């Protein structure tokens, strides 16, 4: 009998401890919605940041972009056109490029090549614009897409094949060049190079 009496309180204490541990774990995992994680970036290529925004979560990185804005327009392979609508510095030390890719051909076009040729990047970011880069010619530095700690890019992913006459919005985030840099070259595989003015 004494065994039964001591076992029951132990079970209650164990259950209460488990409940407290689970509540603490849930609180730690949720709630910051990515704002704190942006502050702790790890380095790779230039910098990396731990937030992923794929096409399924919206292709906008924040501010609404004027669909009629056109900072640059470059031709790609197979009748595709990339229109850059915004290049803006963010308060967290990032530079966000937003635009739209249009299919002006009479055939469906896929995203092959836009993710670049780095195997690890392509495997983590299929059908994306992860292969984009910025070149600061004055500072003689190249900036690659930011990635989280799992190798996912801060860019549009999961892009479906573009049907004739259709378009898709895209965004890409990079480490921001120094404040004195006001212009960069933008490169996306299979497209021409665009010279972009930085705002913000």
N, C-alpha and C. Protein backbone atom coordinates (compact mmCIF):
# COMPACT_ATOMS: atom_id res chain seq x y z
N UNK A 1 0.81 -1.20 0.00
CA UNK A 1 0.00 0.00 0.00
C UNK A 1 0.84 1.26 0.00
N UNK A 2 1.91 1.21 0.77
CA UNK A 2 2.77 2.39 0.82
C UNK A 2 3.39 2.67 -0.55
N UNK A 3 3.62 1.62 -1.30
CA UNK A 3 4.17 1.80 -2.66
C UNK A 3 3.18 2.56 -3.52
N UNK A 4 1.89 2.19 -3.43
CA UNK A 4 0.87 2.83 -4.23
C UNK A 4 0.74 4.31 -3.88
N UNK A 5 0.83 4.65 -2.60
CA UNK A 5 0.67 6.02 -2.17
C UNK A 5 1.83 6.92 -2.63
N UNK A 6 3.03 6.40 -2.66
CA UNK A 6 4.16 7.22 -3.11
C UNK A 6 4.25 7.31 -4.62
N UNK A 7 3.77 6.29 -5.33
CA UNK A 7 3.82 6.30 -6.79
C UNK A 7 2.87 7.33 -7.38
N UNK A 8 1.66 7.46 -6.80
CA UNK A 8 0.67 8.37 -7.35
C UNK A 8 1.16 9.83 -7.30
N UNK A 9 1.67 10.33 -6.16
CA UNK A 9 2.18 11.71 -6.15
C UNK A 9 3.33 11.91 -7.12
N UNK A 10 4.17 10.90 -7.26
CA UNK A 10 5.28 11.02 -8.22
C UNK A 10 4.76 11.21 -9.64
N UNK A 11 3.71 10.47 -9.98
CA UNK A 11 3.12 10.60 -11.33
C UNK A 11 2.55 12.00 -11.53
N UNK A 12 1.90 12.54 -10.50
CA UNK A 12 1.34 13.89 -10.60
C UNK A 12 2.44 14.91 -10.80
N UNK A 13 3.53 14.80 -10.03
CA UNK A 13 4.66 15.72 -10.16
C UNK A 13 5.28 15.61 -11.55
N UNK A 14 5.42 14.40 -12.06
CA UNK A 14 5.98 14.19 -13.40
C UNK A 14 5.09 14.81 -14.46
N UNK A 15 3.76 14.65 -14.32
CA UNK A 15 2.82 15.22 -15.29
C UNK A 15 2.88 16.74 -15.28
N UNK A 16 2.94 17.34 -14.09
CA UNK A 16 3.03 18.79 -13.98
C UNK A 16 4.33 19.29 -14.59
N UNK A 17 5.43 18.59 -14.34
CA UNK A 17 6.72 18.98 -14.92
C UNK A 17 6.70 18.92 -16.44
N UNK A 18 6.10 17.87 -17.00
CA UNK A 18 6.01 17.73 -18.46
C UNK A 18 5.17 18.85 -19.06
N UNK A 19 4.05 19.18 -18.40
CA UNK A 19 3.17 20.24 -18.89
C UNK A 19 3.92 21.57 -18.91
N UNK A 20 4.67 21.86 -17.85
CA UNK A 20 5.44 23.11 -17.78
C UNK A 20 6.51 23.16 -18.86
N UNK A 21 7.17 22.03 -19.08
CA UNK A 21 8.23 21.98 -20.11
C UNK A 21 7.65 22.21 -21.50
N UNK A 22 6.50 21.59 -21.78
CA UNK A 22 5.86 21.78 -23.09
C UNK A 22 5.42 23.22 -23.28
N UNK A 23 4.85 23.83 -22.24
CA UNK A 23 4.41 25.22 -22.34
C UNK A 23 5.59 26.14 -22.62
N UNK A 24 6.72 25.88 -21.95
CA UNK A 24 7.91 26.67 -22.18
C UNK A 24 8.44 26.50 -23.60
N UNK A 25 8.42 25.27 -24.11
CA UNK A 25 8.89 25.00 -25.48
C UNK A 25 8.02 25.71 -26.50
N UNK A 26 6.70 25.67 -26.31
CA UNK A 26 5.78 26.33 -27.26
C UNK A 26 5.99 27.83 -27.24
N UNK A 27 6.17 28.40 -26.03
CA UNK A 27 6.40 29.83 -25.91
C UNK A 27 7.70 30.24 -26.59
N UNK A 28 8.73 29.43 -26.44
CA UNK A 28 10.03 29.75 -27.04
C UNK A 28 10.00 29.66 -28.55
N UNK A 29 9.18 28.74 -29.09
CA UNK A 29 9.17 28.54 -30.55
C UNK A 29 8.34 29.58 -31.28
N UNK A 30 7.29 30.06 -30.68
CA UNK A 30 6.41 30.98 -31.39
C UNK A 30 6.46 32.37 -30.80
N UNK A 31 5.86 33.32 -31.52
CA UNK A 31 5.67 34.62 -30.92
C UNK A 31 6.56 35.72 -31.45
N UNK A 32 7.79 35.43 -31.87
CA UNK A 32 8.63 36.53 -32.32
C UNK A 32 8.46 36.80 -33.79
N UNK A 33 7.80 35.92 -34.51
CA UNK A 33 7.49 36.04 -35.95
C UNK A 33 8.68 36.50 -36.78
N UNK A 34 9.87 36.09 -36.39
CA UNK A 34 11.04 36.33 -37.24
C UNK A 34 11.75 37.64 -37.00
N UNK A 35 11.19 38.55 -36.14
CA UNK A 35 11.84 39.84 -35.99
C UNK A 35 13.15 39.74 -35.23
N UNK A 36 13.19 38.91 -34.19
CA UNK A 36 14.43 38.75 -33.45
C UNK A 36 15.48 38.02 -34.26
N UNK A 37 15.04 37.01 -35.05
CA UNK A 37 16.01 36.19 -35.77
C UNK A 37 16.74 36.99 -36.83
N UNK A 38 16.13 38.11 -37.31
CA UNK A 38 16.81 38.92 -38.30
C UNK A 38 18.06 39.56 -37.73
N UNK A 39 18.05 39.81 -36.37
CA UNK A 39 19.18 40.48 -35.76
C UNK A 39 20.40 39.57 -35.69
N UNK A 40 20.16 38.26 -35.57
CA UNK A 40 21.29 37.33 -35.45
C UNK A 40 21.55 36.65 -36.77
N UNK A 41 22.36 37.28 -37.58
CA UNK A 41 22.65 36.72 -38.90
C UNK A 41 23.99 36.01 -38.85
N UNK A 42 24.08 34.91 -39.59
CA UNK A 42 25.34 34.20 -39.66
C UNK A 42 26.00 34.52 -40.98
N UNK A 43 27.30 34.35 -41.06
CA UNK A 43 28.03 34.75 -42.25
C UNK A 43 28.18 33.63 -43.25
N UNK A 44 27.99 33.99 -44.52
CA UNK A 44 28.32 33.14 -45.65
C UNK A 44 28.14 33.94 -46.90
N UNK A 45 29.09 33.91 -47.78
CA UNK A 45 29.14 34.67 -49.01
C UNK A 45 29.36 36.14 -48.72
N UNK A 46 28.67 36.76 -47.84
CA UNK A 46 28.88 38.09 -47.29
C UNK A 46 28.16 38.11 -45.98
N UNK A 47 26.87 37.75 -46.02
CA UNK A 47 26.04 37.63 -44.83
C UNK A 47 24.92 36.67 -45.13
N UNK A 48 24.30 36.18 -44.07
CA UNK A 48 23.11 35.36 -44.23
C UNK A 48 22.09 35.82 -43.23
N UNK A 49 20.83 35.65 -43.53
CA UNK A 49 19.78 36.01 -42.57
C UNK A 49 18.77 34.89 -42.51
N UNK A 50 18.21 34.66 -41.30
CA UNK A 50 17.38 33.48 -41.08
C UNK A 50 15.90 33.67 -41.30
N UNK A 51 15.48 34.04 -42.47
CA UNK A 51 14.06 34.16 -42.71
C UNK A 51 13.78 33.71 -44.13
N UNK A 52 12.72 32.98 -44.33
CA UNK A 52 12.43 32.46 -45.66
C UNK A 52 11.09 32.98 -46.12
N UNK A 53 11.04 33.54 -47.32
CA UNK A 53 9.77 33.99 -47.89
C UNK A 53 9.66 33.38 -49.26
N UNK A 54 8.94 32.31 -49.36
CA UNK A 54 8.75 31.68 -50.65
C UNK A 54 7.49 32.17 -51.31
N UNK A 55 7.23 31.69 -52.51
CA UNK A 55 6.06 32.12 -53.25
C UNK A 55 4.78 31.76 -52.52
N UNK A 56 4.81 30.66 -51.77
CA UNK A 56 3.63 30.26 -51.04
C UNK A 56 3.30 31.20 -49.90
N UNK A 57 4.27 31.96 -49.41
CA UNK A 57 4.05 32.90 -48.31
C UNK A 57 3.94 34.32 -48.83
N UNK A 58 3.82 34.51 -50.11
CA UNK A 58 3.76 35.85 -50.68
C UNK A 58 5.11 36.21 -51.26
N UNK A 59 5.09 36.86 -52.39
CA UNK A 59 6.36 37.17 -53.05
C UNK A 59 6.83 38.56 -52.73
N UNK A 60 6.12 39.28 -51.88
CA UNK A 60 6.55 40.62 -51.50
C UNK A 60 7.36 40.55 -50.23
N UNK A 61 8.44 41.31 -50.18
CA UNK A 61 9.28 41.31 -48.99
C UNK A 61 8.86 42.35 -47.99
N UNK A 62 7.82 43.07 -48.24
CA UNK A 62 7.38 44.08 -47.29
C UNK A 62 6.50 45.12 -47.92
N UNK A 63 7.10 46.23 -48.33
CA UNK A 63 6.32 47.33 -48.88
C UNK A 63 5.61 46.94 -50.17
N UNK A 64 4.46 47.55 -50.39
CA UNK A 64 3.78 47.36 -51.67
C UNK A 64 4.57 48.07 -52.75
N UNK A 65 4.68 47.44 -53.88
CA UNK A 65 5.46 47.99 -54.98
C UNK A 65 4.51 48.49 -56.06
N UNK A 66 4.82 49.63 -56.62
CA UNK A 66 4.03 50.19 -57.71
C UNK A 66 4.22 49.29 -58.94
N UNK A 67 3.15 48.63 -59.41
CA UNK A 67 3.30 47.73 -60.56
C UNK A 67 3.69 48.45 -61.85
N UNK A 68 3.50 49.77 -61.88
CA UNK A 68 3.84 50.54 -63.08
C UNK A 68 5.26 51.10 -63.03
N UNK A 69 5.93 50.95 -61.88
CA UNK A 69 7.30 51.44 -61.77
C UNK A 69 8.23 50.59 -62.61
N UNK A 70 9.23 51.23 -63.19
CA UNK A 70 10.19 50.49 -64.02
C UNK A 70 11.57 51.13 -63.88
N UNK A 71 12.37 50.59 -62.95
CA UNK A 71 13.72 51.10 -62.75
C UNK A 71 14.67 50.54 -63.81
N UNK A 72 14.39 49.33 -64.24
CA UNK A 72 15.21 48.68 -65.26
C UNK A 72 14.41 47.57 -65.92
N UNK A 73 14.74 47.28 -67.14
CA UNK A 73 14.11 46.17 -67.87
C UNK A 73 15.18 45.44 -68.65
N UNK A 74 15.30 44.14 -68.42
CA UNK A 74 16.31 43.35 -69.12
C UNK A 74 15.67 42.13 -69.77
N UNK A 75 16.20 41.76 -70.90
CA UNK A 75 15.69 40.61 -71.63
C UNK A 75 16.36 39.33 -71.17
N UNK A 76 15.59 38.28 -71.16
CA UNK A 76 16.11 36.97 -70.82
C UNK A 76 15.96 36.01 -71.98
N UNK A 77 16.30 34.76 -71.75
CA UNK A 77 16.18 33.76 -72.80
C UNK A 77 14.72 33.38 -73.03
N UNK A 78 14.42 33.02 -74.27
CA UNK A 78 13.10 32.49 -74.60
C UNK A 78 11.96 33.48 -74.51
N UNK A 79 12.24 34.77 -74.71
CA UNK A 79 11.16 35.76 -74.70
C UNK A 79 10.76 36.26 -73.32
N UNK A 80 11.57 35.97 -72.30
CA UNK A 80 11.27 36.45 -70.95
C UNK A 80 11.84 37.85 -70.73
N UNK A 81 11.17 38.63 -69.90
CA UNK A 81 11.61 39.97 -69.56
C UNK A 81 11.54 40.16 -68.05
N UNK A 82 12.60 40.72 -67.47
CA UNK A 82 12.61 41.06 -66.06
C UNK A 82 12.49 42.57 -65.92
N UNK A 83 11.46 43.01 -65.19
CA UNK A 83 11.27 44.43 -64.90
C UNK A 83 11.54 44.63 -63.41
N UNK A 84 12.53 45.46 -63.10
CA UNK A 84 12.84 45.78 -61.71
C UNK A 84 12.02 47.01 -61.32
N UNK A 85 11.23 46.88 -60.24
CA UNK A 85 10.32 47.95 -59.84
C UNK A 85 10.78 48.71 -58.60
N UNK A 86 11.62 48.07 -57.77
CA UNK A 86 12.08 48.74 -56.56
C UNK A 86 13.41 48.15 -56.09
N UNK A 87 14.33 49.04 -55.66
CA UNK A 87 15.60 48.64 -55.05
C UNK A 87 15.74 49.50 -53.81
N UNK A 88 15.58 48.90 -52.64
CA UNK A 88 15.46 49.70 -51.43
C UNK A 88 16.27 49.13 -50.27
N UNK A 89 16.93 50.02 -49.54
CA UNK A 89 17.62 49.63 -48.31
C UNK A 89 16.58 49.42 -47.22
N UNK A 90 16.74 48.35 -46.44
CA UNK A 90 15.86 48.09 -45.31
C UNK A 90 16.60 48.47 -44.02
N UNK A 91 15.83 48.75 -42.97
CA UNK A 91 16.43 49.19 -41.71
C UNK A 91 17.33 48.13 -41.08
N UNK A 92 17.13 46.85 -41.42
CA UNK A 92 17.95 45.78 -40.84
C UNK A 92 19.29 45.59 -41.51
N UNK A 93 19.67 46.46 -42.44
CA UNK A 93 20.95 46.32 -43.12
C UNK A 93 20.87 45.46 -44.37
N UNK A 94 19.66 45.30 -44.90
CA UNK A 94 19.46 44.51 -46.11
C UNK A 94 19.12 45.42 -47.28
N UNK A 95 19.27 44.89 -48.47
CA UNK A 95 18.84 45.58 -49.68
C UNK A 95 17.85 44.65 -50.38
N UNK A 96 16.65 45.16 -50.64
CA UNK A 96 15.61 44.35 -51.26
C UNK A 96 15.37 44.80 -52.69
N UNK A 97 15.41 43.84 -53.61
CA UNK A 97 15.11 44.09 -55.02
C UNK A 97 13.78 43.41 -55.31
N UNK A 98 12.84 44.17 -55.86
CA UNK A 98 11.53 43.61 -56.20
C UNK A 98 11.21 43.92 -57.66
N UNK A 99 10.53 43.00 -58.29
CA UNK A 99 10.19 43.19 -59.68
C UNK A 99 9.23 42.14 -60.18
N UNK A 100 9.27 41.93 -61.49
CA UNK A 100 8.32 41.03 -62.13
C UNK A 100 8.98 40.40 -63.34
N UNK A 101 8.75 39.12 -63.52
CA UNK A 101 9.25 38.43 -64.71
C UNK A 101 8.06 38.11 -65.60
N UNK A 102 8.14 38.53 -66.86
CA UNK A 102 7.03 38.36 -67.81
C UNK A 102 7.43 37.40 -68.93
N UNK A 103 6.48 36.62 -69.35
CA UNK A 103 6.69 35.71 -70.48
C UNK A 103 6.02 36.30 -71.72
N UNK A 104 6.84 36.88 -72.59
CA UNK A 104 6.31 37.49 -73.80
C UNK A 104 6.30 36.54 -74.98
N UNK A 105 6.60 35.28 -74.76
CA UNK A 105 6.64 34.31 -75.85
C UNK A 105 5.29 33.62 -76.00
N UNK A 106 5.20 32.72 -76.97
CA UNK A 106 3.96 31.98 -77.17
C UNK A 106 4.05 30.56 -76.61
N UNK A 107 5.06 30.32 -75.77
CA UNK A 107 5.23 29.00 -75.15
C UNK A 107 5.44 29.15 -73.65
N UNK A 108 5.12 28.08 -72.92
CA UNK A 108 5.37 28.05 -71.48
C UNK A 108 6.87 28.05 -71.22
N UNK A 109 7.31 28.80 -70.21
CA UNK A 109 8.73 28.88 -69.85
C UNK A 109 8.91 28.47 -68.40
N UNK A 110 9.96 27.66 -68.14
CA UNK A 110 10.21 27.27 -66.75
C UNK A 110 11.31 28.14 -66.15
N UNK A 111 11.60 27.88 -64.88
CA UNK A 111 12.55 28.71 -64.14
C UNK A 111 13.96 28.15 -64.13
N UNK A 112 14.22 27.18 -64.97
CA UNK A 112 15.54 26.52 -64.99
C UNK A 112 16.65 27.56 -65.12
N UNK A 113 17.60 27.47 -64.24
CA UNK A 113 18.76 28.37 -64.30
C UNK A 113 18.67 29.57 -63.38
N UNK A 114 17.48 29.99 -62.99
CA UNK A 114 17.36 31.19 -62.16
C UNK A 114 17.94 30.99 -60.77
N UNK A 115 17.98 29.75 -60.31
CA UNK A 115 18.52 29.47 -58.96
C UNK A 115 20.04 29.41 -58.96
N UNK A 116 20.66 29.53 -60.12
CA UNK A 116 22.11 29.51 -60.20
C UNK A 116 22.67 28.12 -60.38
N UNK A 117 23.97 27.98 -60.14
CA UNK A 117 24.63 26.69 -60.36
C UNK A 117 25.21 26.07 -59.09
N UNK A 118 25.07 26.74 -57.97
CA UNK A 118 25.57 26.19 -56.70
C UNK A 118 24.62 25.08 -56.25
N UNK A 119 25.09 23.85 -56.23
CA UNK A 119 24.22 22.69 -55.99
C UNK A 119 23.46 22.77 -54.67
N UNK A 120 24.14 23.18 -53.60
CA UNK A 120 23.48 23.26 -52.29
C UNK A 120 22.36 24.29 -52.31
N UNK A 121 22.59 25.40 -52.99
CA UNK A 121 21.58 26.45 -53.08
C UNK A 121 20.39 26.02 -53.92
N UNK A 122 20.67 25.37 -55.04
CA UNK A 122 19.60 24.90 -55.93
C UNK A 122 18.74 23.85 -55.25
N UNK A 123 19.38 22.92 -54.52
CA UNK A 123 18.61 21.85 -53.88
C UNK A 123 17.69 22.36 -52.78
N UNK A 124 18.10 23.43 -52.08
CA UNK A 124 17.28 23.99 -51.01
C UNK A 124 16.24 24.99 -51.53
N UNK A 125 16.46 25.49 -52.74
CA UNK A 125 15.60 26.54 -53.30
C UNK A 125 15.21 26.26 -54.74
N UNK A 126 14.49 25.17 -54.98
CA UNK A 126 14.11 24.86 -56.36
C UNK A 126 13.13 25.89 -56.91
N UNK A 127 13.18 26.10 -58.21
CA UNK A 127 12.25 27.02 -58.88
C UNK A 127 12.24 28.39 -58.20
N UNK A 128 13.44 28.94 -58.04
CA UNK A 128 13.57 30.22 -57.33
C UNK A 128 14.45 31.18 -58.13
N UNK A 129 14.65 32.36 -57.54
CA UNK A 129 15.58 33.34 -58.12
C UNK A 129 16.82 33.46 -57.22
N UNK A 130 17.20 32.35 -56.60
CA UNK A 130 18.32 32.33 -55.64
C UNK A 130 19.68 32.58 -56.29
N UNK A 131 19.77 32.50 -57.61
CA UNK A 131 21.04 32.72 -58.28
C UNK A 131 21.38 34.19 -58.52
N UNK A 132 20.50 35.09 -58.09
CA UNK A 132 20.72 36.53 -58.30
C UNK A 132 21.91 37.03 -57.49
N UNK A 133 22.54 38.09 -57.98
CA UNK A 133 23.67 38.71 -57.29
C UNK A 133 23.73 40.18 -57.63
N UNK A 134 24.37 40.94 -56.75
CA UNK A 134 24.63 42.36 -56.98
C UNK A 134 26.12 42.57 -57.08
N UNK A 135 26.54 43.50 -57.92
CA UNK A 135 27.97 43.82 -58.05
C UNK A 135 28.15 45.31 -57.82
N UNK A 136 28.96 45.63 -56.82
CA UNK A 136 29.35 47.01 -56.54
C UNK A 136 30.69 47.23 -57.24
N UNK A 137 30.65 47.84 -58.39
CA UNK A 137 31.89 48.00 -59.18
C UNK A 137 32.87 48.96 -58.52
N UNK A 138 32.34 49.99 -57.87
CA UNK A 138 33.21 50.96 -57.20
C UNK A 138 33.90 50.31 -56.00
N UNK A 139 33.13 49.60 -55.18
CA UNK A 139 33.69 48.93 -54.01
C UNK A 139 34.33 47.60 -54.32
N UNK A 140 34.22 47.17 -55.58
CA UNK A 140 34.79 45.90 -56.05
C UNK A 140 34.35 44.73 -55.18
N UNK A 141 33.03 44.61 -55.01
CA UNK A 141 32.48 43.55 -54.18
C UNK A 141 31.22 42.99 -54.81
N UNK A 142 31.03 41.68 -54.63
CA UNK A 142 29.84 41.00 -55.13
C UNK A 142 29.00 40.55 -53.93
N UNK A 143 27.69 40.75 -54.02
CA UNK A 143 26.78 40.37 -52.94
C UNK A 143 25.82 39.29 -53.43
N UNK A 144 25.72 38.22 -52.64
CA UNK A 144 24.83 37.11 -52.99
C UNK A 144 23.56 37.16 -52.15
N UNK A 145 22.56 36.44 -52.60
CA UNK A 145 21.28 36.34 -51.89
C UNK A 145 21.50 35.91 -50.44
N UNK A 146 20.78 36.56 -49.53
CA UNK A 146 20.83 36.14 -48.13
C UNK A 146 20.16 34.79 -47.96
N UNK A 147 20.68 34.00 -47.00
CA UNK A 147 20.10 32.68 -46.72
C UNK A 147 19.91 32.52 -45.22
N UNK A 148 18.98 31.65 -44.86
CA UNK A 148 18.83 31.34 -43.44
C UNK A 148 19.82 30.23 -43.06
N UNK A 149 19.77 29.80 -41.81
CA UNK A 149 20.75 28.82 -41.34
C UNK A 149 20.58 27.45 -41.99
N UNK A 150 19.44 27.21 -42.64
CA UNK A 150 19.22 25.94 -43.33
C UNK A 150 19.48 26.03 -44.83
N UNK A 151 19.98 27.18 -45.28
CA UNK A 151 20.33 27.33 -46.69
C UNK A 151 19.20 27.80 -47.58
N UNK A 152 18.06 28.17 -47.00
CA UNK A 152 16.95 28.68 -47.80
C UNK A 152 17.16 30.16 -48.07
N UNK A 153 16.89 30.57 -49.29
CA UNK A 153 17.15 31.96 -49.67
C UNK A 153 16.05 32.90 -49.19
N UNK A 154 16.41 34.17 -49.02
CA UNK A 154 15.42 35.21 -48.77
C UNK A 154 15.04 35.76 -50.13
N UNK A 155 14.24 34.97 -50.82
CA UNK A 155 13.84 35.32 -52.18
C UNK A 155 12.60 34.52 -52.55
N UNK A 156 12.05 34.81 -53.70
CA UNK A 156 10.88 34.09 -54.19
C UNK A 156 11.28 32.67 -54.57
N UNK A 157 10.52 31.70 -54.07
CA UNK A 157 10.76 30.29 -54.41
C UNK A 157 9.44 29.67 -54.88
N UNK A 158 9.54 28.45 -55.37
CA UNK A 158 8.33 27.73 -55.79
C UNK A 158 7.63 28.37 -56.97
N UNK A 159 8.39 28.97 -57.87
CA UNK A 159 7.79 29.64 -59.03
C UNK A 159 7.31 28.60 -60.04
N UNK A 160 6.07 28.69 -60.42
CA UNK A 160 5.50 27.76 -61.40
C UNK A 160 5.93 28.16 -62.81
N UNK A 161 5.90 27.21 -63.75
CA UNK A 161 6.22 27.58 -65.14
C UNK A 161 5.33 28.73 -65.60
N UNK A 162 5.93 29.68 -66.31
CA UNK A 162 5.18 30.85 -66.78
C UNK A 162 4.50 30.55 -68.11
N UNK A 163 3.20 30.72 -68.11
CA UNK A 163 2.43 30.51 -69.33
C UNK A 163 2.57 31.73 -70.25
N UNK A 164 2.32 31.58 -71.54
CA UNK A 164 2.43 32.71 -72.47
C UNK A 164 1.61 33.91 -72.01
N UNK A 165 2.24 35.08 -72.03
CA UNK A 165 1.56 36.30 -71.64
C UNK A 165 1.41 36.53 -70.15
N UNK A 166 1.86 35.59 -69.34
CA UNK A 166 1.72 35.71 -67.89
C UNK A 166 2.99 36.26 -67.25
N UNK A 167 2.87 36.68 -65.99
CA UNK A 167 4.02 37.21 -65.26
C UNK A 167 3.97 36.74 -63.82
N UNK A 168 5.09 36.86 -63.12
CA UNK A 168 5.16 36.49 -61.70
C UNK A 168 5.99 37.53 -60.95
N UNK A 169 5.50 37.99 -59.78
CA UNK A 169 6.29 38.93 -58.99
C UNK A 169 7.44 38.20 -58.29
N UNK A 170 8.57 38.86 -58.15
CA UNK A 170 9.73 38.25 -57.49
C UNK A 170 10.38 39.26 -56.55
N UNK A 171 11.02 38.74 -55.50
CA UNK A 171 11.83 39.59 -54.63
C UNK A 171 13.08 38.84 -54.24
N UNK A 172 14.11 39.60 -53.90
CA UNK A 172 15.39 39.06 -53.49
C UNK A 172 15.99 39.99 -52.44
N UNK A 173 16.57 39.43 -51.38
CA UNK A 173 17.23 40.25 -50.37
C UNK A 173 18.72 39.95 -50.31
N UNK A 174 19.50 41.04 -50.21
CA UNK A 174 20.96 40.96 -50.20
C UNK A 174 21.49 41.73 -48.99
N UNK A 175 22.75 41.48 -48.60
CA UNK A 175 23.38 42.39 -47.63
C UNK A 175 23.47 43.77 -48.29
N UNK A 176 23.18 44.82 -47.54
CA UNK A 176 23.22 46.16 -48.13
C UNK A 176 24.66 46.62 -48.34
N UNK A 177 24.96 47.17 -49.51
CA UNK A 177 26.28 47.77 -49.73
C UNK A 177 26.46 48.98 -48.81
N UNK A 178 27.67 49.49 -48.67
CA UNK A 178 27.89 50.67 -47.81
C UNK A 178 26.99 51.83 -48.22
N UNK A 179 26.72 52.72 -47.25
CA UNK A 179 25.82 53.85 -47.49
C UNK A 179 26.25 54.70 -48.68
N UNK A 180 27.54 54.82 -48.90
CA UNK A 180 28.03 55.64 -50.01
C UNK A 180 27.76 55.05 -51.38
N UNK A 181 27.39 53.77 -51.43
CA UNK A 181 27.12 53.12 -52.72
C UNK A 181 25.68 53.40 -53.14
N UNK A 182 25.52 54.05 -54.27
CA UNK A 182 24.18 54.43 -54.73
C UNK A 182 23.74 53.66 -55.97
N UNK A 183 24.66 52.90 -56.56
CA UNK A 183 24.32 52.17 -57.79
C UNK A 183 25.03 50.81 -57.79
N UNK A 184 24.31 49.78 -58.22
CA UNK A 184 24.88 48.44 -58.33
C UNK A 184 24.42 47.79 -59.63
N UNK A 185 25.17 46.80 -60.07
CA UNK A 185 24.73 45.98 -61.21
C UNK A 185 23.99 44.77 -60.66
N UNK A 186 22.87 44.44 -61.28
CA UNK A 186 22.05 43.32 -60.85
C UNK A 186 22.16 42.21 -61.88
N UNK A 187 22.41 40.98 -61.38
CA UNK A 187 22.58 39.83 -62.27
C UNK A 187 21.62 38.72 -61.85
N UNK A 188 20.87 38.20 -62.81
CA UNK A 188 20.05 37.00 -62.60
C UNK A 188 20.35 36.06 -63.76
N UNK A 189 20.75 34.82 -63.47
CA UNK A 189 21.10 33.89 -64.56
C UNK A 189 20.01 33.82 -65.63
N UNK A 190 20.45 33.77 -66.86
CA UNK A 190 19.67 33.71 -68.11
C UNK A 190 19.11 35.08 -68.52
N UNK A 191 19.37 36.13 -67.72
CA UNK A 191 18.95 37.49 -68.06
C UNK A 191 20.17 38.38 -68.25
N UNK A 192 19.97 39.50 -68.92
CA UNK A 192 21.05 40.47 -69.07
C UNK A 192 21.32 41.16 -67.74
N UNK A 193 22.39 41.95 -67.70
CA UNK A 193 22.76 42.70 -66.50
C UNK A 193 22.06 44.05 -66.50
N UNK A 194 21.54 44.45 -65.32
CA UNK A 194 20.85 45.73 -65.18
C UNK A 194 21.61 46.61 -64.20
N UNK A 195 21.72 47.89 -64.50
CA UNK A 195 22.32 48.86 -63.58
C UNK A 195 21.19 49.49 -62.77
N UNK A 196 21.28 49.39 -61.43
CA UNK A 196 20.18 49.82 -60.58
C UNK A 196 20.60 50.91 -59.61
N UNK A 197 19.73 51.92 -59.46
CA UNK A 197 19.92 52.96 -58.45
C UNK A 197 19.27 52.51 -57.15
N UNK A 198 19.96 52.70 -56.04
CA UNK A 198 19.46 52.30 -54.74
C UNK A 198 18.70 53.46 -54.10
N UNK A 199 17.52 53.16 -53.54
CA UNK A 199 16.78 54.17 -52.80
C UNK A 199 16.72 53.78 -51.33
N UNK A 200 16.43 54.75 -50.47
CA UNK A 200 16.29 54.50 -49.05
C UNK A 200 17.60 54.52 -48.31
